[in-house]
Amino acid sequence: MARSVEQSFYRTSKWIKCRNGYMASQHYICERCGGLATICHHKVWLNESNVSDPMITYNWDKLEALCHNCHNKEHFGSGVIEAGLSFDEKGNLIKI
């Protein structure tokens, strides 16, 4: 997704309310490993063609509460740590 689309969507009050509500409904438990969930993951990757579709962006059936490790595995596979990449708490890609 283009950086400007990502920045504008993930900073909206509507997304923040949706994310907070979903994460609370999952008790901040990772839906894959049972650890502490810190990221509200979209199961459908957002892009310029679907970021305005509320059935994609705000649909709880298309969200998943994930811990950092499971989110990294989703995006990078099991070799994420070996590759020296991770996501920070805001979802930004960082070197570790």
N, C-alpha and C. Protein backbone atom coordinates (compact mmCIF):
# COMPACT_ATOMS: atom_id res chain seq x y z
N MET A 1 0.85 -1.16 0.00
CA MET A 1 0.00 0.00 0.00
C MET A 1 0.90 1.23 0.00
N ALA A 2 0.49 2.25 -0.70
CA ALA A 2 1.27 3.49 -0.73
C ALA A 2 1.36 4.06 0.68
N ARG A 3 2.49 4.63 0.99
CA ARG A 3 2.73 5.13 2.34
C ARG A 3 1.68 6.16 2.75
N SER A 4 1.27 7.05 1.85
CA SER A 4 0.30 8.08 2.22
C SER A 4 -1.06 7.47 2.54
N VAL A 5 -1.47 6.45 1.81
CA VAL A 5 -2.74 5.77 2.10
C VAL A 5 -2.65 5.09 3.45
N GLU A 6 -1.55 4.41 3.70
CA GLU A 6 -1.36 3.72 4.98
C GLU A 6 -1.39 4.72 6.13
N GLN A 7 -0.64 5.80 6.01
CA GLN A 7 -0.59 6.79 7.07
C GLN A 7 -1.96 7.38 7.33
N SER A 8 -2.67 7.74 6.28
CA SER A 8 -3.97 8.38 6.47
C SER A 8 -4.99 7.40 7.05
N PHE A 9 -5.01 6.15 6.62
CA PHE A 9 -5.99 5.20 7.15
C PHE A 9 -5.72 4.84 8.61
N TYR A 10 -4.51 4.42 8.92
CA TYR A 10 -4.21 3.92 10.25
C TYR A 10 -4.20 5.00 11.33
N ARG A 11 -4.29 6.26 10.93
CA ARG A 11 -4.35 7.35 11.90
C ARG A 11 -5.76 7.89 12.11
N THR A 12 -6.74 7.34 11.41
CA THR A 12 -8.11 7.85 11.55
C THR A 12 -8.72 7.40 12.87
N SER A 13 -9.57 8.24 13.42
CA SER A 13 -10.24 7.89 14.68
C SER A 13 -11.16 6.68 14.48
N LYS A 14 -11.74 6.55 13.29
CA LYS A 14 -12.62 5.41 13.01
C LYS A 14 -11.83 4.09 13.09
N TRP A 15 -10.63 4.05 12.48
CA TRP A 15 -9.82 2.84 12.55
C TRP A 15 -9.36 2.59 13.98
N ILE A 16 -8.95 3.60 14.68
CA ILE A 16 -8.46 3.43 16.06
C ILE A 16 -9.57 2.87 16.95
N LYS A 17 -10.80 3.37 16.79
CA LYS A 17 -11.93 2.84 17.56
C LYS A 17 -12.21 1.38 17.18
N CYS A 18 -12.17 1.08 15.88
CA CYS A 18 -12.40 -0.29 15.41
C CYS A 18 -11.34 -1.22 15.97
N ARG A 19 -10.08 -0.82 15.83
CA ARG A 19 -8.95 -1.63 16.32
C ARG A 19 -9.06 -1.87 17.82
N ASN A 20 -9.30 -0.81 18.58
CA ASN A 20 -9.38 -0.95 20.03
C ASN A 20 -10.55 -1.84 20.45
N GLY A 21 -11.68 -1.69 19.78
CA GLY A 21 -12.84 -2.53 20.08
C GLY A 21 -12.57 -4.00 19.78
N TYR A 22 -11.96 -4.26 18.61
CA TYR A 22 -11.67 -5.64 18.23
C TYR A 22 -10.66 -6.27 19.18
N MET A 23 -9.59 -5.54 19.46
CA MET A 23 -8.56 -6.09 20.35
C MET A 23 -9.13 -6.38 21.74
N ALA A 24 -9.97 -5.49 22.24
CA ALA A 24 -10.60 -5.72 23.55
C ALA A 24 -11.51 -6.94 23.49
N SER A 25 -12.21 -7.12 22.37
CA SER A 25 -13.12 -8.28 22.25
C SER A 25 -12.34 -9.60 22.27
N GLN A 26 -11.07 -9.55 21.88
CA GLN A 26 -10.21 -10.74 21.88
C GLN A 26 -9.36 -10.80 23.15
N HIS A 27 -9.62 -9.85 24.06
CA HIS A 27 -8.91 -9.79 25.35
C HIS A 27 -7.40 -9.66 25.16
N TYR A 28 -7.00 -9.05 24.05
CA TYR A 28 -5.58 -8.84 23.73
C TYR A 28 -4.79 -10.15 23.78
N ILE A 29 -5.45 -11.24 23.33
CA ILE A 29 -4.82 -12.55 23.26
C ILE A 29 -4.58 -12.88 21.79
N CYS A 30 -3.34 -13.25 21.46
CA CYS A 30 -3.00 -13.60 20.09
C CYS A 30 -3.85 -14.78 19.64
N GLU A 31 -4.47 -14.64 18.49
CA GLU A 31 -5.36 -15.68 17.98
C GLU A 31 -4.61 -16.87 17.40
N ARG A 32 -3.30 -16.78 17.34
CA ARG A 32 -2.51 -17.90 16.81
C ARG A 32 -1.76 -18.65 17.90
N CYS A 33 -1.11 -17.91 18.79
CA CYS A 33 -0.27 -18.60 19.78
C CYS A 33 -0.75 -18.45 21.21
N GLY A 34 -1.71 -17.56 21.46
CA GLY A 34 -2.22 -17.35 22.80
C GLY A 34 -1.42 -16.36 23.63
N GLY A 35 -0.40 -15.76 23.03
CA GLY A 35 0.40 -14.75 23.73
C GLY A 35 -0.31 -13.41 23.78
N LEU A 36 0.41 -12.38 24.20
CA LEU A 36 -0.13 -11.04 24.28
C LEU A 36 -0.24 -10.43 22.89
N ALA A 37 -1.45 -10.13 22.47
CA ALA A 37 -1.67 -9.52 21.15
C ALA A 37 -1.48 -8.02 21.23
N THR A 38 -0.68 -7.49 20.32
CA THR A 38 -0.40 -6.06 20.30
C THR A 38 -0.72 -5.43 18.94
N ILE A 39 -1.05 -6.25 17.94
CA ILE A 39 -1.30 -5.75 16.59
C ILE A 39 -2.64 -6.27 16.10
N CYS A 40 -3.44 -5.36 15.56
CA CYS A 40 -4.70 -5.74 14.92
C CYS A 40 -4.41 -5.88 13.43
N HIS A 41 -4.34 -7.11 12.98
CA HIS A 41 -3.91 -7.45 11.63
C HIS A 41 -5.10 -7.58 10.69
N HIS A 42 -4.99 -6.98 9.50
CA HIS A 42 -5.98 -7.19 8.44
C HIS A 42 -5.63 -8.48 7.72
N LYS A 43 -6.57 -9.41 7.65
CA LYS A 43 -6.35 -10.66 6.92
C LYS A 43 -6.25 -10.42 5.42
N VAL A 44 -6.91 -9.38 4.94
CA VAL A 44 -6.82 -8.97 3.54
C VAL A 44 -5.90 -7.75 3.51
N TRP A 45 -4.81 -7.85 2.79
CA TRP A 45 -3.87 -6.73 2.72
C TRP A 45 -4.55 -5.52 2.12
N LEU A 46 -4.38 -4.38 2.77
CA LEU A 46 -4.99 -3.15 2.28
C LEU A 46 -4.16 -2.56 1.16
N ASN A 47 -4.87 -1.99 0.20
CA ASN A 47 -4.21 -1.28 -0.90
C ASN A 47 -5.12 -0.15 -1.34
N GLU A 48 -4.69 0.61 -2.33
CA GLU A 48 -5.46 1.77 -2.75
C GLU A 48 -6.85 1.41 -3.28
N SER A 49 -7.02 0.20 -3.78
CA SER A 49 -8.31 -0.18 -4.35
C SER A 49 -9.31 -0.68 -3.30
N ASN A 50 -8.85 -1.07 -2.11
CA ASN A 50 -9.80 -1.58 -1.11
C ASN A 50 -9.80 -0.81 0.21
N VAL A 51 -8.92 0.16 0.38
CA VAL A 51 -8.82 0.87 1.65
C VAL A 51 -10.08 1.68 1.96
N SER A 52 -10.89 2.00 0.97
CA SER A 52 -12.13 2.75 1.18
C SER A 52 -13.34 1.84 1.35
N ASP A 53 -13.13 0.54 1.32
CA ASP A 53 -14.23 -0.43 1.44
C ASP A 53 -14.37 -0.85 2.90
N PRO A 54 -15.42 -0.38 3.59
CA PRO A 54 -15.57 -0.71 5.01
C PRO A 54 -15.76 -2.21 5.27
N MET A 55 -16.19 -2.96 4.25
CA MET A 55 -16.33 -4.41 4.45
C MET A 55 -14.96 -5.09 4.49
N ILE A 56 -13.93 -4.40 4.09
CA ILE A 56 -12.56 -4.89 4.19
C ILE A 56 -11.88 -4.27 5.40
N THR A 57 -11.95 -2.95 5.51
CA THR A 57 -11.16 -2.24 6.52
C THR A 57 -11.69 -2.35 7.93
N TYR A 58 -13.02 -2.36 8.12
CA TYR A 58 -13.60 -2.35 9.46
C TYR A 58 -14.37 -3.62 9.81
N ASN A 59 -14.32 -4.60 8.98
CA ASN A 59 -15.06 -5.85 9.17
C ASN A 59 -14.30 -6.75 10.14
N TRP A 60 -14.87 -7.00 11.31
CA TRP A 60 -14.18 -7.81 12.33
C TRP A 60 -13.88 -9.22 11.84
N ASP A 61 -14.63 -9.72 10.88
CA ASP A 61 -14.34 -11.05 10.33
C ASP A 61 -13.03 -11.06 9.54
N LYS A 62 -12.56 -9.89 9.18
CA LYS A 62 -11.33 -9.78 8.39
C LYS A 62 -10.16 -9.25 9.23
N LEU A 63 -10.34 -9.22 10.56
CA LEU A 63 -9.28 -8.78 11.46
C LEU A 63 -8.79 -9.95 12.30
N GLU A 64 -7.60 -9.81 12.84
CA GLU A 64 -7.01 -10.85 13.67
C GLU A 64 -6.10 -10.18 14.70
N ALA A 65 -6.25 -10.54 15.96
CA ALA A 65 -5.38 -10.04 17.03
C ALA A 65 -4.12 -10.89 17.04
N LEU A 66 -2.97 -10.25 16.85
CA LEU A 66 -1.71 -10.99 16.78
C LEU A 66 -0.65 -10.39 17.70
N CYS A 67 0.24 -11.24 18.17
CA CYS A 67 1.44 -10.78 18.87
C CYS A 67 2.46 -10.36 17.81
N HIS A 68 3.54 -9.71 18.23
CA HIS A 68 4.56 -9.28 17.27
C HIS A 68 5.15 -10.46 16.50
N ASN A 69 5.45 -11.56 17.20
CA ASN A 69 6.07 -12.70 16.53
C ASN A 69 5.16 -13.30 15.46
N CYS A 70 3.90 -13.51 15.78
CA CYS A 70 2.98 -14.09 14.79
C CYS A 70 2.73 -13.13 13.64
N HIS A 71 2.69 -11.83 13.91
CA HIS A 71 2.52 -10.85 12.84
C HIS A 71 3.74 -10.86 11.92
N ASN A 72 4.92 -10.94 12.50
CA ASN A 72 6.13 -11.01 11.69
C ASN A 72 6.16 -12.28 10.84
N LYS A 73 5.75 -13.40 11.41
CA LYS A 73 5.70 -14.65 10.65
C LYS A 73 4.71 -14.54 9.49
N GLU A 74 3.60 -13.86 9.72
CA GLU A 74 2.59 -13.68 8.67
C GLU A 74 3.19 -12.93 7.48
N HIS A 75 3.96 -11.92 7.76
CA HIS A 75 4.49 -11.08 6.69
C HIS A 75 5.82 -11.57 6.13
N PHE A 76 6.62 -12.23 6.94
CA PHE A 76 7.97 -12.60 6.51
C PHE A 76 8.25 -14.10 6.54
N GLY A 77 7.32 -14.89 7.03
CA GLY A 77 7.58 -16.31 7.17
C GLY A 77 8.40 -16.59 8.42
N SER A 78 8.81 -17.82 8.58
CA SER A 78 9.51 -18.22 9.80
C SER A 78 10.92 -17.67 9.88
N GLY A 79 11.48 -17.15 8.79
CA GLY A 79 12.85 -16.67 8.80
C GLY A 79 13.00 -15.19 9.12
N VAL A 80 11.95 -14.57 9.67
CA VAL A 80 12.00 -13.14 9.91
C VAL A 80 13.13 -12.73 10.86
N ILE A 81 13.33 -13.47 11.92
CA ILE A 81 14.37 -13.10 12.87
C ILE A 81 15.74 -13.25 12.22
N GLU A 82 15.93 -14.33 11.47
CA GLU A 82 17.20 -14.55 10.79
C GLU A 82 17.47 -13.44 9.76
N ALA A 83 16.41 -12.88 9.18
CA ALA A 83 16.58 -11.82 8.20
C ALA A 83 16.84 -10.47 8.86
N GLY A 84 16.67 -10.39 10.18
CA GLY A 84 16.92 -9.16 10.90
C GLY A 84 15.84 -8.11 10.72
N LEU A 85 14.60 -8.55 10.43
CA LEU A 85 13.49 -7.63 10.23
C LEU A 85 12.40 -7.89 11.25
N SER A 86 11.65 -6.85 11.55
CA SER A 86 10.55 -6.97 12.49
C SER A 86 9.60 -5.80 12.24
N PHE A 87 8.48 -5.78 12.94
CA PHE A 87 7.58 -4.64 12.95
C PHE A 87 7.64 -4.04 14.34
N ASP A 88 7.61 -2.71 14.43
CA ASP A 88 7.53 -2.07 15.74
C ASP A 88 6.07 -2.04 16.18
N GLU A 89 5.80 -1.45 17.35
CA GLU A 89 4.45 -1.45 17.91
C GLU A 89 3.46 -0.66 17.07
N LYS A 90 3.94 0.18 16.16
CA LYS A 90 3.07 0.92 15.27
C LYS A 90 2.89 0.24 13.92
N GLY A 91 3.52 -0.92 13.73
CA GLY A 91 3.40 -1.65 12.49
C GLY A 91 4.41 -1.25 11.43
N ASN A 92 5.39 -0.45 11.80
CA ASN A 92 6.42 -0.04 10.86
C ASN A 92 7.52 -1.11 10.78
N LEU A 93 8.03 -1.34 9.58
CA LEU A 93 9.10 -2.30 9.36
C LEU A 93 10.40 -1.72 9.91
N ILE A 94 11.09 -2.53 10.72
CA ILE A 94 12.38 -2.09 11.31
C ILE A 94 13.39 -3.20 11.22
N LYS A 95 14.67 -2.83 11.27
CA LYS A 95 15.75 -3.80 11.38
C LYS A 95 15.96 -4.09 12.85
N ILE A 96 16.24 -5.37 13.17
CA ILE A 96 16.50 -5.72 14.57
C ILE A 96 17.92 -6.20 14.73
